[in-house]
Amino acid sequence: MRYLLLIISMVFLVSACEKEGPAEQAGESIDEAVEEVRDAVDDSDSRLEEAAEEAKEAAEDAVDDAADAVEDAADDLEDSMNQ
């Protein structure tokens, strides 16, 4: 008799686990929303890193261009002084 009650109880528990209640559905919705937010944050982090790298490269190019311009101006000044 004990085993029969145990088996019947287990059958009810298993069948109850198969059906999702409102709490399980809400939990899954929350999990999906959290995953979407994580993906969005990861995407924005990637975009920020790319933008920062592009800004760094642009700044380095601007510094190089400015250094070249100063060097050219110094050469022009030296040439004009030698004449």
Protein backbone atom coordinates (compact mmCIF):
# COMPACT_ATOMS: atom_id res chain seq x y z
CA MET A 1 0.00 0.00 0.00
CA ARG A 2 2.84 2.36 0.82
CA TYR A 3 4.45 1.79 -2.55
CA LEU A 4 1.17 2.40 -4.32
CA LEU A 5 0.73 5.74 -2.55
CA LEU A 6 4.33 6.65 -3.32
CA ILE A 7 3.90 5.81 -7.00
CA ILE A 8 0.64 7.75 -7.23
CA SER A 9 2.25 10.74 -5.51
CA MET A 10 5.19 10.65 -7.90
CA VAL A 11 2.85 10.48 -10.90
CA PHE A 12 1.02 13.57 -9.68
CA LEU A 13 4.28 15.41 -9.04
CA VAL A 14 5.64 14.58 -12.48
CA SER A 15 2.42 15.60 -14.20
CA ALA A 16 2.34 18.83 -12.20
CA CYS A 17 5.90 19.64 -13.30
CA GLU A 18 4.99 19.27 -16.96
CA LYS A 19 2.49 22.11 -16.86
CA GLU A 20 3.85 25.60 -16.56
CA GLY A 21 2.01 27.86 -14.20
CA PRO A 22 1.95 31.64 -14.28
CA ALA A 23 5.02 31.88 -12.04
CA GLU A 24 7.06 29.67 -14.36
CA GLN A 25 5.90 31.63 -17.39
CA ALA A 26 6.73 34.92 -15.68
CA GLY A 27 10.13 33.55 -14.71
CA GLU A 28 10.85 32.53 -18.29
CA SER A 29 9.75 35.96 -19.53
CA ILE A 30 12.06 37.61 -17.02
CA ASP A 31 14.93 35.33 -18.06
CA GLU A 32 14.37 36.22 -21.71
CA ALA A 33 14.21 39.94 -20.91
CA VAL A 34 17.43 39.75 -18.90
CA GLU A 35 19.14 37.94 -21.79
CA GLU A 36 17.95 40.61 -24.24
CA VAL A 37 19.29 43.35 -21.96
CA ARG A 38 22.61 41.52 -21.65
CA ASP A 39 22.84 41.23 -25.42
CA ALA A 40 22.04 44.93 -25.83
CA VAL A 41 24.67 45.90 -23.26
CA ASP A 42 27.25 43.67 -24.94
CA ASP A 43 26.38 45.22 -28.30
CA SER A 44 26.65 48.76 -26.94
CA ASP A 45 29.95 47.89 -25.26
CA SER A 46 31.28 46.67 -28.60
CA ARG A 47 30.09 49.83 -30.33
CA LEU A 48 31.67 52.01 -27.65
CA GLU A 49 34.96 50.15 -27.96
CA GLU A 50 34.90 50.57 -31.74
CA ALA A 51 34.06 54.28 -31.42
CA ALA A 52 36.85 54.76 -28.89
CA GLU A 53 39.34 53.02 -31.18
CA GLU A 54 38.24 55.15 -34.13
CA ALA A 55 38.54 58.32 -32.02
CA LYS A 56 42.01 57.27 -30.86
CA GLU A 57 43.13 56.64 -34.43
CA ALA A 58 41.68 59.97 -35.58
CA ALA A 59 43.48 61.78 -32.76
CA GLU A 60 46.76 60.05 -33.62
CA ASP A 61 46.33 61.01 -37.28
CA ALA A 62 45.59 64.62 -36.30
CA VAL A 63 48.70 64.75 -34.11
CA ASP A 64 50.81 63.28 -36.92
CA ASP A 65 49.37 65.79 -39.41
CA ALA A 66 50.05 68.67 -37.00
CA ALA A 67 53.62 67.48 -36.43
CA ASP A 68 54.16 67.25 -40.20
CA ALA A 69 52.76 70.76 -40.66
CA VAL A 70 55.04 72.17 -37.94
CA GLU A 71 58.04 70.41 -39.49
CA ASP A 72 57.16 71.75 -42.95
CA ALA A 73 56.76 75.26 -41.53
CA ALA A 74 60.12 75.00 -39.77
CA ASP A 75 61.77 73.82 -43.00
CA ASP A 76 60.17 76.71 -44.91
CA LEU A 77 61.37 79.17 -42.28
CA GLU A 78 64.87 77.75 -42.37
CA ASP A 79 64.91 77.93 -46.18
CA SER A 80 63.77 81.54 -46.16
CA MET A 81 66.40 82.46 -43.56
CA ASN A 82 69.16 80.85 -45.66
CA GLN A 83 68.29 82.92 -48.71
